[in-house]
């Protein structure tokens, strides 16, 4: 299912500059300033500054298998701000969402890449930010999640809890 969605997203992205700018699994452009994805390649990270990115928010722990150990250095060397909020996949929590939301609020107006390993954390956390903190239409915001997956388990529970806590009347499940 994820592989099929990835192929469809790739086909939709072909030729779009914002999609070409990031070589990573499951690239999902939200708007001109916000993109979510899985782990970019080392080469892609080294080109983000040239593509206009001003900040990267990384949501996987640095201990995951495909992490790029010197990602922060690669980005800072280009003048790109690096924010790391390591969310353990099996145990996300609302405090981490608050941290990401505060970072994204501070980075408003800048071109930002939010990524994790395969865009499951990033798409879901970005959805919660958009719907719960920025007041965007939750149904429209959730479309960016379903391009990658449908949250389940601890992630499904967190989505329900954060939306309720933020007063968002929306049930994506």
C-alpha atoms as a PDB file:
ATOM      1  CA  UNK A   1       0.000   0.000   0.000  1.00  0.00           C
ATOM      2  CA  UNK A   2       2.754   2.464   0.944  1.00  0.00           C
ATOM      3  CA  UNK A   3       4.709   1.468  -2.169  1.00  0.00           C
ATOM      4  CA  UNK A   4       1.665   2.179  -4.385  1.00  0.00           C
ATOM      5  CA  UNK A   5       1.115   5.569  -2.756  1.00  0.00           C
ATOM      6  CA  UNK A   6       4.805   6.383  -3.156  1.00  0.00           C
ATOM      7  CA  UNK A   7       4.619   5.598  -6.863  1.00  0.00           C
ATOM      8  CA  UNK A   8       1.499   7.728  -7.287  1.00  0.00           C
ATOM      9  CA  UNK A   9       3.083  10.602  -5.376  1.00  0.00           C
ATOM     10  CA  UNK A  10       6.228  10.293  -7.482  1.00  0.00           C
ATOM     11  CA  UNK A  11       4.156  10.467 -10.658  1.00  0.00           C
ATOM     12  CA  UNK A  12       2.305  13.517  -9.339  1.00  0.00           C
ATOM     13  CA  UNK A  13       5.586  15.185  -8.365  1.00  0.00           C
ATOM     14  CA  UNK A  14       7.462  14.627 -11.616  1.00  0.00           C
ATOM     15  CA  UNK A  15       8.445  17.993 -12.970  1.00  0.00           C
ATOM     16  CA  UNK A  16       7.419  20.004  -9.929  1.00  0.00           C
ATOM     17  CA  UNK A  17      10.442  22.000  -8.721  1.00  0.00           C
ATOM     18  CA  UNK A  18       9.747  21.472  -5.024  1.00  0.00           C
ATOM     19  CA  UNK A  19       9.620  17.692  -5.532  1.00  0.00           C
ATOM     20  CA  UNK A  20      12.802  17.691  -7.584  1.00  0.00           C
ATOM     21  CA  UNK A  21      14.567  19.577  -4.792  1.00  0.00           C
ATOM     22  CA  UNK A  22      14.472  16.670  -2.322  1.00  0.00           C
ATOM     23  CA  UNK A  23      15.689  13.166  -3.124  1.00  0.00           C
ATOM     24  CA  UNK A  24      14.001  11.102  -0.414  1.00  0.00           C
ATOM     25  CA  UNK A  25      11.182   8.602   0.084  1.00  0.00           C
ATOM     26  CA  UNK A  26       7.615   9.901   0.055  1.00  0.00           C
ATOM     27  CA  UNK A  27       8.213  13.583  -0.687  1.00  0.00           C
ATOM     28  CA  UNK A  28       4.986  15.493  -0.009  1.00  0.00           C
ATOM     29  CA  UNK A  29       4.952  19.226  -0.786  1.00  0.00           C
ATOM     30  CA  UNK A  30       2.480  21.028   1.475  1.00  0.00           C
ATOM     31  CA  UNK A  31       2.946  24.508   0.016  1.00  0.00           C
ATOM     32  CA  UNK A  32       5.780  26.688  -1.298  1.00  0.00           C
ATOM     33  CA  UNK A  33       7.367  26.844   2.165  1.00  0.00           C
ATOM     34  CA  UNK A  34       6.726  23.422   3.679  1.00  0.00           C
ATOM     35  CA  UNK A  35       7.688  19.928   2.501  1.00  0.00           C
ATOM     36  CA  UNK A  36       7.619  16.580   4.313  1.00  0.00           C
ATOM     37  CA  UNK A  37       9.625  13.503   3.392  1.00  0.00           C
ATOM     38  CA  UNK A  38      11.522  10.456   4.496  1.00  0.00           C
ATOM     39  CA  UNK A  39      15.292  10.546   5.001  1.00  0.00           C
ATOM     40  CA  UNK A  40      16.940  12.578   2.223  1.00  0.00           C
ATOM     41  CA  UNK A  41      20.093  11.215   0.660  1.00  0.00           C
ATOM     42  CA  UNK A  42      23.410  12.724   1.708  1.00  0.00           C
ATOM     43  CA  UNK A  43      23.648  14.319  -1.748  1.00  0.00           C
ATOM     44  CA  UNK A  44      20.185  15.830  -1.435  1.00  0.00           C
ATOM     45  CA  UNK A  45      20.989  17.251   2.007  1.00  0.00           C
ATOM     46  CA  UNK A  46      24.086  18.880   0.510  1.00  0.00           C
ATOM     47  CA  UNK A  47      21.915  20.635  -2.111  1.00  0.00           C
ATOM     48  CA  UNK A  48      19.057  21.882   0.073  1.00  0.00           C
ATOM     49  CA  UNK A  49      20.582  25.337   0.491  1.00  0.00           C
ATOM     50  CA  UNK A  50      20.852  25.741  -3.275  1.00  0.00           C
ATOM     51  CA  UNK A  51      17.180  24.730  -3.494  1.00  0.00           C
ATOM     52  CA  UNK A  52      16.195  27.540  -1.136  1.00  0.00           C
ATOM     53  CA  UNK A  53      15.584  25.553   2.040  1.00  0.00           C
ATOM     54  CA  UNK A  54      16.300  27.573   5.171  1.00  0.00           C
ATOM     55  CA  UNK A  55      15.504  24.999   7.859  1.00  0.00           C
ATOM     56  CA  UNK A  56      15.194  21.252   8.390  1.00  0.00           C
ATOM     57  CA  UNK A  57      13.193  19.648  11.193  1.00  0.00           C
ATOM     58  CA  UNK A  58      14.296  16.040  11.764  1.00  0.00           C
ATOM     59  CA  UNK A  59      11.901  13.810  13.709  1.00  0.00           C
ATOM     60  CA  UNK A  60      13.621  10.417  13.927  1.00  0.00           C
ATOM     61  CA  UNK A  61      16.140   9.517  16.613  1.00  0.00           C
ATOM     62  CA  UNK A  62      19.710   9.827  15.362  1.00  0.00           C
ATOM     63  CA  UNK A  63      20.205   6.159  16.264  1.00  0.00           C
ATOM     64  CA  UNK A  64      17.934   4.849  13.479  1.00  0.00           C
ATOM     65  CA  UNK A  65      19.647   2.726  10.866  1.00  0.00           C
ATOM     66  CA  UNK A  66      19.426   5.144   7.934  1.00  0.00           C
ATOM     67  CA  UNK A  67      20.272   8.312   9.869  1.00  0.00           C
ATOM     68  CA  UNK A  68      23.043  10.452   8.422  1.00  0.00           C
ATOM     69  CA  UNK A  69      25.349  11.050  11.376  1.00  0.00           C
ATOM     70  CA  UNK A  70      26.618  14.418  10.169  1.00  0.00           C
ATOM     71  CA  UNK A  71      23.295  15.728   8.842  1.00  0.00           C
ATOM     72  CA  UNK A  72      23.344  18.759  11.152  1.00  0.00           C
ATOM     73  CA  UNK A  73      26.862  19.676   9.989  1.00  0.00           C
ATOM     74  CA  UNK A  74      25.944  19.261   6.311  1.00  0.00           C
ATOM     75  CA  UNK A  75      22.991  21.606   6.779  1.00  0.00           C
ATOM     76  CA  UNK A  76      24.642  24.182   9.022  1.00  0.00           C
ATOM     77  CA  UNK A  77      27.500  24.413   6.522  1.00  0.00           C
ATOM     78  CA  UNK A  78      24.924  25.798   4.069  1.00  0.00           C
ATOM     79  CA  UNK A  79      23.416  28.190   6.597  1.00  0.00           C
ATOM     80  CA  UNK A  80      20.376  25.955   7.096  1.00  0.00           C
ATOM     81  CA  UNK A  81      18.902  25.806  10.590  1.00  0.00           C
ATOM     82  CA  UNK A  82      18.672  22.254  11.945  1.00  0.00           C
ATOM     83  CA  UNK A  83      16.017  21.330  14.516  1.00  0.00           C
ATOM     84  CA  UNK A  84      16.022  17.801  15.936  1.00  0.00           C
ATOM     85  CA  UNK A  85      13.020  16.475  17.846  1.00  0.00           C
ATOM     86  CA  UNK A  86      13.694  12.719  18.106  1.00  0.00           C
ATOM     87  CA  UNK A  87      10.338  10.934  18.265  1.00  0.00           C
ATOM     88  CA  UNK A  88      10.513   7.227  19.095  1.00  0.00           C
ATOM     89  CA  UNK A  89       8.166   5.670  16.544  1.00  0.00           C
ATOM     90  CA  UNK A  90       6.434   3.283  18.936  1.00  0.00           C
ATOM     91  CA  UNK A  91       5.855   5.973  21.591  1.00  0.00           C
ATOM     92  CA  UNK A  92       5.011   9.441  20.227  1.00  0.00           C
ATOM     93  CA  UNK A  93       3.682  11.989  22.688  1.00  0.00           C
ATOM     94  CA  UNK A  94       1.932  15.345  22.687  1.00  0.00           C
ATOM     95  CA  UNK A  95       4.916  17.172  24.228  1.00  0.00           C
ATOM     96  CA  UNK A  96       6.942  16.332  21.122  1.00  0.00           C
ATOM     97  CA  UNK A  97       4.168  17.719  18.920  1.00  0.00           C
ATOM     98  CA  UNK A  98       4.269  20.926  20.981  1.00  0.00           C
ATOM     99  CA  UNK A  99       8.045  21.154  20.413  1.00  0.00           C
ATOM    100  CA  UNK A 100       7.667  20.738  16.657  1.00  0.00           C
ATOM    101  CA  UNK A 101       4.794  23.237  16.556  1.00  0.00           C
ATOM    102  CA  UNK A 102       6.890  25.820  18.414  1.00  0.00           C
ATOM    103  CA  UNK A 103       9.751  25.295  15.964  1.00  0.00           C
ATOM    104  CA  UNK A 104       7.482  25.552  12.918  1.00  0.00           C
ATOM    105  CA  UNK A 105       5.846  28.696  14.310  1.00  0.00           C
ATOM    106  CA  UNK A 106       9.302  30.223  14.772  1.00  0.00           C
ATOM    107  CA  UNK A 107      10.287  29.200  11.232  1.00  0.00           C
ATOM    108  CA  UNK A 108       7.110  30.606   9.623  1.00  0.00           C
ATOM    109  CA  UNK A 109       7.846  32.219   6.274  1.00  0.00           C
ATOM    110  CA  UNK A 110      10.990  30.159   5.729  1.00  0.00           C
ATOM    111  CA  UNK A 111      11.253  27.204   3.373  1.00  0.00           C
ATOM    112  CA  UNK A 112      11.280  24.167   5.683  1.00  0.00           C
ATOM    113  CA  UNK A 113      11.737  20.428   5.187  1.00  0.00           C
ATOM    114  CA  UNK A 114      10.230  18.234   7.912  1.00  0.00           C
ATOM    115  CA  UNK A 115      11.524  14.677   7.627  1.00  0.00           C
ATOM    116  CA  UNK A 116      11.931  11.373   9.402  1.00  0.00           C
ATOM    117  CA  UNK A 117      12.774   7.961   7.912  1.00  0.00           C
ATOM    118  CA  UNK A 118       9.902   7.332   5.494  1.00  0.00           C
ATOM    119  CA  UNK A 119       7.566  10.284   6.190  1.00  0.00           C
ATOM    120  CA  UNK A 120       5.233   8.563   8.614  1.00  0.00           C
ATOM    121  CA  UNK A 121       6.254  10.684  11.627  1.00  0.00           C
ATOM    122  CA  UNK A 122       6.779  13.820   9.541  1.00  0.00           C
ATOM    123  CA  UNK A 123       3.476  13.684   7.662  1.00  0.00           C
ATOM    124  CA  UNK A 124       1.467  13.010  10.818  1.00  0.00           C
ATOM    125  CA  UNK A 125       3.181  15.611  12.989  1.00  0.00           C
ATOM    126  CA  UNK A 126       2.911  18.211  10.222  1.00  0.00           C
ATOM    127  CA  UNK A 127      -0.803  17.397   9.859  1.00  0.00           C
ATOM    128  CA  UNK A 128      -1.297  17.910  13.600  1.00  0.00           C
ATOM    129  CA  UNK A 129       0.547  21.226  13.400  1.00  0.00           C
ATOM    130  CA  UNK A 130      -1.483  22.416  10.441  1.00  0.00           C
ATOM    131  CA  UNK A 131      -4.884  21.333  11.795  1.00  0.00           C
ATOM    132  CA  UNK A 132      -4.317  21.781  15.520  1.00  0.00           C
ATOM    133  CA  UNK A 133      -2.041  24.809  15.716  1.00  0.00           C
ATOM    134  CA  UNK A 134      -2.541  26.762  12.476  1.00  0.00           C
ATOM    135  CA  UNK A 135      -6.265  26.139  12.187  1.00  0.00           C
ATOM    136  CA  UNK A 136      -6.155  24.750   8.657  1.00  0.00           C
ATOM    137  CA  UNK A 137      -8.987  22.578   7.374  1.00  0.00           C
ATOM    138  CA  UNK A 138      -8.240  19.184   8.970  1.00  0.00           C
ATOM    139  CA  UNK A 139      -9.698  17.134   6.112  1.00  0.00           C
ATOM    140  CA  UNK A 140      -7.494  18.905   3.588  1.00  0.00           C
ATOM    141  CA  UNK A 141      -4.452  18.725   5.879  1.00  0.00           C
ATOM    142  CA  UNK A 142      -4.987  14.990   6.441  1.00  0.00           C
ATOM    143  CA  UNK A 143      -4.729  14.351   2.692  1.00  0.00           C
ATOM    144  CA  UNK A 144      -0.969  14.839   2.983  1.00  0.00           C
ATOM    145  CA  UNK A 145      -0.824  12.035   5.563  1.00  0.00           C
ATOM    146  CA  UNK A 146      -2.833   9.586   3.470  1.00  0.00           C
ATOM    147  CA  UNK A 147      -0.403  10.059   0.598  1.00  0.00           C
ATOM    148  CA  UNK A 148       2.027   8.145   2.826  1.00  0.00           C
ATOM    149  CA  UNK A 149      -0.024   6.045   5.281  1.00  0.00           C
ATOM    150  CA  UNK A 150      -2.976   5.917   7.654  1.00  0.00           C
ATOM    151  CA  UNK A 151      -1.758   6.191  11.252  1.00  0.00           C
ATOM    152  CA  UNK A 152      -2.377   3.190  13.466  1.00  0.00           C
ATOM    153  CA  UNK A 153      -1.570   2.061  16.987  1.00  0.00           C
ATOM    154  CA  UNK A 154       0.135   4.692  19.136  1.00  0.00           C
ATOM    155  CA  UNK A 155       0.067   7.188  16.264  1.00  0.00           C
ATOM    156  CA  UNK A 156      -3.675   6.837  15.741  1.00  0.00           C
ATOM    157  CA  UNK A 157      -4.234   7.351  19.461  1.00  0.00           C
ATOM    158  CA  UNK A 158      -1.971  10.398  19.516  1.00  0.00           C
ATOM    159  CA  UNK A 159      -3.786  11.962  16.543  1.00  0.00           C
ATOM    160  CA  UNK A 160      -7.120  11.509  18.307  1.00  0.00           C
ATOM    161  CA  UNK A 161      -5.779  12.915  21.591  1.00  0.00           C
ATOM    162  CA  UNK A 162      -3.988  15.928  20.111  1.00  0.00           C
ATOM    163  CA  UNK A 163      -6.942  16.905  17.923  1.00  0.00           C
ATOM    164  CA  UNK A 164      -9.287  16.677  20.931  1.00  0.00           C
ATOM    165  CA  UNK A 165      -6.897  18.639  23.157  1.00  0.00           C
ATOM    166  CA  UNK A 166      -6.617  21.365  20.504  1.00  0.00           C
ATOM    167  CA  UNK A 167     -10.415  21.520  20.068  1.00  0.00           C
ATOM    168  CA  UNK A 168     -10.383  20.196  16.495  1.00  0.00           C
ATOM    169  CA  UNK A 169     -13.600  18.341  15.654  1.00  0.00           C
ATOM    170  CA  UNK A 170     -12.317  15.864  13.071  1.00  0.00           C
ATOM    171  CA  UNK A 171     -12.134  12.081  13.004  1.00  0.00           C
ATOM    172  CA  UNK A 172      -9.839  10.890  10.223  1.00  0.00           C
ATOM    173  CA  UNK A 173     -10.389   7.240  11.153  1.00  0.00           C
END
